[in-house]
PDB file of all heavy atoms in Angstrom:
ATOM      1  N   THR A   1     -15.061 -79.523 -25.306  1.00  0.00           N
ATOM      2  CA  THR A   1     -14.863 -79.362 -23.858  1.00  0.00           C
ATOM      3  C   THR A   1     -15.972 -79.934 -23.122  1.00  0.00           C
ATOM      4  O   THR A   1     -17.159 -79.813 -23.438  1.00  0.00           O
ATOM      5  CB  THR A   1     -14.638 -77.869 -23.561  1.00  0.00           C
ATOM      6  OG1 THR A   1     -13.533 -77.325 -24.303  1.00  0.00           O
ATOM      7  CG2 THR A   1     -14.424 -77.714 -22.058  1.00  0.00           C
ATOM      8  N   MET A   2     -15.577 -80.651 -21.983  1.00  0.00           N
ATOM      9  CA  MET A   2     -16.552 -81.241 -21.096  1.00  0.00           C
ATOM     10  C   MET A   2     -16.543 -80.429 -19.788  1.00  0.00           C
ATOM     11  O   MET A   2     -15.478 -80.016 -19.414  1.00  0.00           O
ATOM     12  CB  MET A   2     -16.180 -82.704 -20.838  1.00  0.00           C
ATOM     13  CG  MET A   2     -17.008 -83.362 -19.718  1.00  0.00           C
ATOM     14  SD  MET A   2     -16.433 -85.069 -19.349  1.00  0.00           S
ATOM     15  CE  MET A   2     -14.766 -84.680 -18.658  1.00  0.00           C
ATOM     16  N   TYR A   3     -17.668 -80.257 -19.175  1.00  0.00           N
ATOM     17  CA  TYR A   3     -17.827 -79.570 -17.975  1.00  0.00           C
ATOM     18  C   TYR A   3     -18.422 -80.319 -16.832  1.00  0.00           C
ATOM     19  O   TYR A   3     -19.264 -81.201 -17.150  1.00  0.00           O
ATOM     20  CB  TYR A   3     -18.614 -78.232 -18.246  1.00  0.00           C
ATOM     21  CG  TYR A   3     -18.101 -77.314 -19.344  1.00  0.00           C
ATOM     22  CD1 TYR A   3     -18.554 -77.584 -20.621  1.00  0.00           C
ATOM     23  CD2 TYR A   3     -17.225 -76.357 -19.040  1.00  0.00           C
ATOM     24  CE1 TYR A   3     -18.116 -76.722 -21.655  1.00  0.00           C
ATOM     25  CE2 TYR A   3     -16.760 -75.541 -20.056  1.00  0.00           C
ATOM     26  CZ  TYR A   3     -17.184 -75.766 -21.376  1.00  0.00           C
ATOM     27  OH  TYR A   3     -16.732 -74.957 -22.417  1.00  0.00           O
ATOM     28  N   LEU A   4     -18.081 -79.996 -15.649  1.00  0.00           N
ATOM     29  CA  LEU A   4     -18.778 -80.528 -14.442  1.00  0.00           C
ATOM     30  C   LEU A   4     -19.163 -79.372 -13.626  1.00  0.00           C
ATOM     31  O   LEU A   4     -18.336 -78.747 -12.946  1.00  0.00           O
ATOM     32  CB  LEU A   4     -17.901 -81.463 -13.759  1.00  0.00           C
ATOM     33  CG  LEU A   4     -18.521 -82.179 -12.491  1.00  0.00           C
ATOM     34  CD1 LEU A   4     -19.589 -83.199 -13.000  1.00  0.00           C
ATOM     35  CD2 LEU A   4     -17.519 -82.966 -11.668  1.00  0.00           C
ATOM     36  N   GLN A   5     -20.469 -79.089 -13.587  1.00  0.00           N
ATOM     37  CA  GLN A   5     -20.948 -78.057 -12.691  1.00  0.00           C
ATOM     38  C   GLN A   5     -21.275 -78.620 -11.354  1.00  0.00           C
ATOM     39  O   GLN A   5     -22.082 -79.548 -11.249  1.00  0.00           O
ATOM     40  CB  GLN A   5     -22.263 -77.446 -13.275  1.00  0.00           C
ATOM     41  CG  GLN A   5     -22.927 -76.411 -12.413  1.00  0.00           C
ATOM     42  CD  GLN A   5     -22.059 -75.136 -12.161  1.00  0.00           C
ATOM     43  OE1 GLN A   5     -21.568 -74.626 -13.145  1.00  0.00           O
ATOM     44  NE2 GLN A   5     -21.931 -74.702 -10.943  1.00  0.00           N
ATOM     45  N   MET A   6     -20.592 -78.134 -10.313  1.00  0.00           N
ATOM     46  CA  MET A   6     -20.732 -78.670  -8.995  1.00  0.00           C
ATOM     47  C   MET A   6     -21.352 -77.621  -8.072  1.00  0.00           C
ATOM     48  O   MET A   6     -20.827 -76.588  -7.859  1.00  0.00           O
ATOM     49  CB  MET A   6     -19.311 -79.074  -8.462  1.00  0.00           C
ATOM     50  CG  MET A   6     -18.584 -80.046  -9.305  1.00  0.00           C
ATOM     51  SD  MET A   6     -17.028 -80.616  -8.609  1.00  0.00           S
ATOM     52  CE  MET A   6     -16.057 -79.054  -8.645  1.00  0.00           C
ATOM     53  N   ASN A   7     -22.544 -77.950  -7.627  1.00  0.00           N
ATOM     54  CA  ASN A   7     -23.234 -77.105  -6.691  1.00  0.00           C
ATOM     55  C   ASN A   7     -23.385 -77.781  -5.338  1.00  0.00           C
ATOM     56  O   ASN A   7     -23.305 -79.004  -5.187  1.00  0.00           O
ATOM     57  CB  ASN A   7     -24.623 -76.800  -7.278  1.00  0.00           C
ATOM     58  CG  ASN A   7     -24.589 -76.021  -8.527  1.00  0.00           C
ATOM     59  OD1 ASN A   7     -23.808 -75.147  -8.769  1.00  0.00           O
ATOM     60  ND2 ASN A   7     -25.466 -76.447  -9.483  1.00  0.00           N
ATOM     61  N   GLY A   8     -23.647 -76.919  -4.324  1.00  0.00           N
ATOM     62  CA  GLY A   8     -23.770 -77.468  -2.922  1.00  0.00           C
ATOM     63  C   GLY A   8     -22.624 -78.342  -2.544  1.00  0.00           C
ATOM     64  O   GLY A   8     -22.866 -79.422  -1.965  1.00  0.00           O
ATOM     65  N   LEU A   9     -21.450 -77.838  -2.756  1.00  0.00           N
ATOM     66  CA  LEU A   9     -20.250 -78.603  -2.412  1.00  0.00           C
ATOM     67  C   LEU A   9     -20.118 -78.908  -0.996  1.00  0.00           C
ATOM     68  O   LEU A   9     -20.453 -78.118  -0.120  1.00  0.00           O
ATOM     69  CB  LEU A   9     -18.962 -77.900  -2.898  1.00  0.00           C
ATOM     70  CG  LEU A   9     -18.814 -77.987  -4.492  1.00  0.00           C
ATOM     71  CD1 LEU A   9     -17.814 -76.903  -4.910  1.00  0.00           C
ATOM     72  CD2 LEU A   9     -18.306 -79.372  -4.828  1.00  0.00           C
ATOM     73  N   LYS A  10     -19.583 -80.137  -0.641  1.00  0.00           N
ATOM     74  CA  LYS A  10     -19.456 -80.565   0.691  1.00  0.00           C
ATOM     75  C   LYS A  10     -17.965 -80.889   0.926  1.00  0.00           C
ATOM     76  O   LYS A  10     -17.247 -81.185  -0.059  1.00  0.00           O
ATOM     77  CB  LYS A  10     -20.275 -81.879   0.934  1.00  0.00           C
ATOM     78  CG  LYS A  10     -21.744 -81.675   0.675  1.00  0.00           C
ATOM     79  CD  LYS A  10     -22.423 -83.062   0.743  1.00  0.00           C
ATOM     80  CE  LYS A  10     -23.955 -82.887   0.501  1.00  0.00           C
ATOM     81  NZ  LYS A  10     -24.641 -84.189   0.621  1.00  0.00           N
ATOM     82  N   PRO A  11     -17.534 -80.864   2.173  1.00  0.00           N
ATOM     83  CA  PRO A  11     -16.167 -81.271   2.436  1.00  0.00           C
ATOM     84  C   PRO A  11     -15.728 -82.593   1.812  1.00  0.00           C
ATOM     85  O   PRO A  11     -14.592 -82.787   1.446  1.00  0.00           O
ATOM     86  CB  PRO A  11     -16.025 -81.235   3.935  1.00  0.00           C
ATOM     87  CG  PRO A  11     -17.080 -80.243   4.368  1.00  0.00           C
ATOM     88  CD  PRO A  11     -18.191 -80.416   3.365  1.00  0.00           C
ATOM     89  N   GLU A  12     -16.628 -83.558   1.815  1.00  0.00           N
ATOM     90  CA  GLU A  12     -16.329 -84.834   1.284  1.00  0.00           C
ATOM     91  C   GLU A  12     -16.161 -84.836  -0.223  1.00  0.00           C
ATOM     92  O   GLU A  12     -15.726 -85.834  -0.757  1.00  0.00           O
ATOM     93  CB  GLU A  12     -17.365 -85.884   1.663  1.00  0.00           C
ATOM     94  CG  GLU A  12     -18.848 -85.477   1.322  1.00  0.00           C
ATOM     95  CD  GLU A  12     -19.544 -84.842   2.558  1.00  0.00           C
ATOM     96  OE1 GLU A  12     -18.915 -84.061   3.288  1.00  0.00           O
ATOM     97  OE2 GLU A  12     -20.720 -85.234   2.696  1.00  0.00           O
ATOM     98  N   ASP A  13     -16.441 -83.777  -0.883  1.00  0.00           N
ATOM     99  CA  ASP A  13     -16.164 -83.656  -2.303  1.00  0.00           C
ATOM    100  C   ASP A  13     -14.661 -83.195  -2.538  1.00  0.00           C
ATOM    101  O   ASP A  13     -14.232 -83.216  -3.655  1.00  0.00           O
ATOM    102  CB  ASP A  13     -17.034 -82.565  -2.969  1.00  0.00           C
ATOM    103  CG  ASP A  13     -18.471 -82.892  -2.969  1.00  0.00           C
ATOM    104  OD1 ASP A  13     -18.772 -84.109  -3.188  1.00  0.00           O
ATOM    105  OD2 ASP A  13     -19.317 -82.039  -2.631  1.00  0.00           O
ATOM    106  N   THR A  14     -13.959 -82.923  -1.451  1.00  0.00           N
ATOM    107  CA  THR A  14     -12.591 -82.571  -1.612  1.00  0.00           C
ATOM    108  C   THR A  14     -11.781 -83.793  -2.228  1.00  0.00           C
ATOM    109  O   THR A  14     -11.795 -84.898  -1.748  1.00  0.00           O
ATOM    110  CB  THR A  14     -11.960 -82.216  -0.252  1.00  0.00           C
ATOM    111  OG1 THR A  14     -12.546 -81.004   0.222  1.00  0.00           O
ATOM    112  CG2 THR A  14     -10.467 -81.952  -0.349  1.00  0.00           C
ATOM    113  N   ALA A  15     -11.096 -83.547  -3.284  1.00  0.00           N
ATOM    114  CA  ALA A  15     -10.314 -84.554  -3.958  1.00  0.00           C
ATOM    115  C   ALA A  15      -9.568 -83.866  -5.192  1.00  0.00           C
ATOM    116  O   ALA A  15      -9.806 -82.754  -5.468  1.00  0.00           O
ATOM    117  CB  ALA A  15     -11.228 -85.665  -4.520  1.00  0.00           C
ATOM    118  N   VAL A  16      -8.748 -84.713  -5.818  1.00  0.00           N
ATOM    119  CA  VAL A  16      -8.214 -84.392  -7.012  1.00  0.00           C
ATOM    120  C   VAL A  16      -9.082 -84.899  -8.078  1.00  0.00           C
ATOM    121  O   VAL A  16      -9.465 -86.138  -8.096  1.00  0.00           O
ATOM    122  CB  VAL A  16      -6.750 -84.953  -7.261  1.00  0.00           C
ATOM    123  CG1 VAL A  16      -6.230 -84.604  -8.607  1.00  0.00           C
ATOM    124  CG2 VAL A  16      -5.767 -84.353  -6.199  1.00  0.00           C
ATOM    125  N   TYR A  17      -9.545 -84.072  -8.967  1.00  0.00           N
ATOM    126  CA  TYR A  17     -10.447 -84.484  -9.989  1.00  0.00           C
ATOM    127  C   TYR A  17      -9.744 -84.653 -11.344  1.00  0.00           C
ATOM    128  O   TYR A  17      -8.926 -83.810 -11.750  1.00  0.00           O
ATOM    129  CB  TYR A  17     -11.557 -83.430 -10.226  1.00  0.00           C
ATOM    130  CG  TYR A  17     -12.564 -83.466  -9.121  1.00  0.00           C
ATOM    131  CD1 TYR A  17     -12.277 -83.046  -7.813  1.00  0.00           C
ATOM    132  CD2 TYR A  17     -13.882 -83.957  -9.323  1.00  0.00           C
ATOM    133  CE1 TYR A  17     -13.205 -83.103  -6.849  1.00  0.00           C
ATOM    134  CE2 TYR A  17     -14.829 -84.007  -8.325  1.00  0.00           C
ATOM    135  CZ  TYR A  17     -14.480 -83.599  -7.038  1.00  0.00           C
ATOM    136  OH  TYR A  17     -15.429 -83.649  -6.123  1.00  0.00           O
ATOM    137  N   TYR A  18      -9.937 -85.770 -11.924  1.00  0.00           N
ATOM    138  CA  TYR A  18      -9.306 -86.146 -13.253  1.00  0.00           C
ATOM    139  C   TYR A  18     -10.266 -86.239 -14.386  1.00  0.00           C
ATOM    140  O   TYR A  18     -11.290 -86.866 -14.248  1.00  0.00           O
ATOM    141  CB  TYR A  18      -8.616 -87.486 -13.085  1.00  0.00           C
ATOM    142  CG  TYR A  18      -7.443 -87.488 -12.072  1.00  0.00           C
ATOM    143  CD1 TYR A  18      -7.688 -87.788 -10.775  1.00  0.00           C
ATOM    144  CD2 TYR A  18      -6.177 -87.173 -12.512  1.00  0.00           C
ATOM    145  CE1 TYR A  18      -6.637 -87.868  -9.889  1.00  0.00           C
ATOM    146  CE2 TYR A  18      -5.098 -87.239 -11.603  1.00  0.00           C
ATOM    147  CZ  TYR A  18      -5.348 -87.541 -10.294  1.00  0.00           C
ATOM    148  OH  TYR A  18      -4.326 -87.589  -9.393  1.00  0.00           O
ATOM    149  N   CYS A  19      -9.918 -85.619 -15.478  1.00  0.00           N
ATOM    150  CA  CYS A  19     -10.627 -85.872 -16.761  1.00  0.00           C
ATOM    151  C   CYS A  19     -10.037 -87.048 -17.419  1.00  0.00           C
ATOM    152  O   CYS A  19      -8.781 -87.244 -17.437  1.00  0.00           O
ATOM    153  CB  CYS A  19     -10.418 -84.624 -17.582  1.00  0.00           C
ATOM    154  SG  CYS A  19     -11.198 -84.714 -19.224  1.00  0.00           S
ATOM    155  N   ALA A  20     -10.940 -87.892 -17.980  1.00  0.00           N
ATOM    156  CA  ALA A  20     -10.493 -89.093 -18.688  1.00  0.00           C
ATOM    157  C   ALA A  20     -11.346 -89.263 -19.921  1.00  0.00           C
ATOM    158  O   ALA A  20     -12.484 -88.833 -19.964  1.00  0.00           O
ATOM    159  CB  ALA A  20     -10.607 -90.320 -17.785  1.00  0.00           C
ATOM    160  N   ALA A  21     -10.700 -89.947 -20.936  1.00  0.00           N
ATOM    161  CA  ALA A  21     -11.411 -90.099 -22.184  1.00  0.00           C
ATOM    162  C   ALA A  21     -11.119 -91.484 -22.787  1.00  0.00           C
ATOM    163  O   ALA A  21     -10.073 -92.054 -22.512  1.00  0.00           O
ATOM    164  CB  ALA A  21     -11.057 -89.029 -23.156  1.00  0.00           C
ATOM    165  N   ILE A  22     -12.085 -91.990 -23.553  1.00  0.00           N
ATOM    166  CA  ILE A  22     -11.856 -93.251 -24.179  1.00  0.00           C
ATOM    167  C   ILE A  22     -12.738 -93.401 -25.443  1.00  0.00           C
ATOM    168  O   ILE A  22     -13.776 -92.630 -25.519  1.00  0.00           O
ATOM    169  CB  ILE A  22     -12.315 -94.391 -23.199  1.00  0.00           C
ATOM    170  CG1 ILE A  22     -11.911 -95.737 -23.842  1.00  0.00           C
ATOM    171  CG2 ILE A  22     -13.826 -94.280 -22.851  1.00  0.00           C
ATOM    172  CD1 ILE A  22     -12.114 -96.919 -22.802  1.00  0.00           C
ATOM    173  N   ARG A  23     -12.239 -94.050 -26.426  1.00  0.00           N
ATOM    174  CA  ARG A  23     -13.020 -94.272 -27.641  1.00  0.00           C
ATOM    175  C   ARG A  23     -13.890 -95.507 -27.470  1.00  0.00           C
ATOM    176  O   ARG A  23     -13.623 -96.573 -27.924  1.00  0.00           O
ATOM    177  CB  ARG A  23     -12.116 -94.447 -28.826  1.00  0.00           C
ATOM    178  CG  ARG A  23     -11.184 -93.194 -29.115  1.00  0.00           C
ATOM    179  CD  ARG A  23     -10.335 -93.378 -30.362  1.00  0.00           C
ATOM    180  NE  ARG A  23      -9.548 -92.216 -30.629  1.00  0.00           N
ATOM    181  CZ  ARG A  23      -8.273 -92.106 -30.231  1.00  0.00           C
ATOM    182  NH1 ARG A  23      -7.693 -93.116 -29.577  1.00  0.00           N
ATOM    183  NH2 ARG A  23      -7.566 -91.000 -30.460  1.00  0.00           N
ATOM    184  N   SER A  24     -14.997 -95.213 -26.704  1.00  0.00           N
ATOM    185  CA  SER A  24     -15.948 -96.265 -26.365  1.00  0.00           C
ATOM    186  C   SER A  24     -17.345 -95.651 -26.473  1.00  0.00           C
ATOM    187  O   SER A  24     -17.539 -94.493 -26.189  1.00  0.00           O
ATOM    188  CB  SER A  24     -15.692 -96.845 -24.957  1.00  0.00           C
ATOM    189  OG  SER A  24     -16.792 -97.602 -24.563  1.00  0.00           O
ATOM    190  N   PHE A  25     -18.315 -96.513 -26.902  1.00  0.00           N
ATOM    191  CA  PHE A  25     -19.649 -96.057 -26.994  1.00  0.00           C
ATOM    192  C   PHE A  25     -20.388 -96.123 -25.659  1.00  0.00           C
ATOM    193  O   PHE A  25     -21.467 -95.629 -25.597  1.00  0.00           O
ATOM    194  CB  PHE A  25     -20.402 -96.894 -28.050  1.00  0.00           C
ATOM    195  CG  PHE A  25     -19.956 -96.693 -29.401  1.00  0.00           C
ATOM    196  CD1 PHE A  25     -19.086 -97.594 -30.052  1.00  0.00           C
ATOM    197  CD2 PHE A  25     -20.317 -95.515 -30.126  1.00  0.00           C
ATOM    198  CE1 PHE A  25     -18.680 -97.413 -31.318  1.00  0.00           C
ATOM    199  CE2 PHE A  25     -19.834 -95.301 -31.438  1.00  0.00           C
ATOM    200  CZ  PHE A  25     -19.021 -96.242 -32.022  1.00  0.00           C
ATOM    201  N   LEU A  26     -19.816 -96.723 -24.728  1.00  0.00           N
ATOM    202  CA  LEU A  26     -20.312 -96.764 -23.328  1.00  0.00           C
ATOM    203  C   LEU A  26     -19.531 -96.060 -22.317  1.00  0.00           C
ATOM    204  O   LEU A  26     -18.269 -95.991 -22.474  1.00  0.00           O
ATOM    205  CB  LEU A  26     -20.501 -98.243 -22.925  1.00  0.00           C
ATOM    206  CG  LEU A  26     -21.410 -99.140 -23.780  1.00  0.00           C
ATOM    207  CD1 LEU A  26     -21.354-100.540 -23.287  1.00  0.00           C
ATOM    208  CD2 LEU A  26     -22.857 -98.601 -23.797  1.00  0.00           C
ATOM    209  N   ILE A  27     -20.184 -95.479 -21.290  1.00  0.00           N
ATOM    210  CA  ILE A  27     -19.427 -94.839 -20.272  1.00  0.00           C
ATOM    211  C   ILE A  27     -18.953 -95.969 -19.310  1.00  0.00           C
ATOM    212  O   ILE A  27     -19.666 -96.656 -18.670  1.00  0.00           O
ATOM    213  CB  ILE A  27     -20.387 -93.855 -19.451  1.00  0.00           C
ATOM    214  CG1 ILE A  27     -20.859 -92.790 -20.434  1.00  0.00           C
ATOM    215  CG2 ILE A  27     -19.560 -93.252 -18.297  1.00  0.00           C
ATOM    216  CD1 ILE A  27     -21.985 -91.925 -19.848  1.00  0.00           C
ATOM    217  N   LYS A  28     -17.575 -96.019 -19.256  1.00  0.00           N
ATOM    218  CA  LYS A  28     -16.969 -97.045 -18.419  1.00  0.00           C
ATOM    219  C   LYS A  28     -16.783 -96.565 -17.015  1.00  0.00           C
ATOM    220  O   LYS A  28     -16.582 -95.342 -16.744  1.00  0.00           O
ATOM    221  CB  LYS A  28     -15.604 -97.408 -19.020  1.00  0.00           C
ATOM    222  CG  LYS A  28     -15.700 -97.952 -20.431  1.00  0.00           C
ATOM    223  CD  LYS A  28     -16.391 -99.266 -20.513  1.00  0.00           C
ATOM    224  CE  LYS A  28     -16.272 -99.808 -21.924  1.00  0.00           C
ATOM    225  NZ  LYS A  28     -16.915-101.136 -22.037  1.00  0.00           N
TER     226      LYS A  28
END
């Protein structure tokens, strides 16, 4: 499981958040 701890949230953070995965050694 991957987590995103979001603190100090702002209105501009409003969005649909998507989890994505890839079999890659680099973060794309």
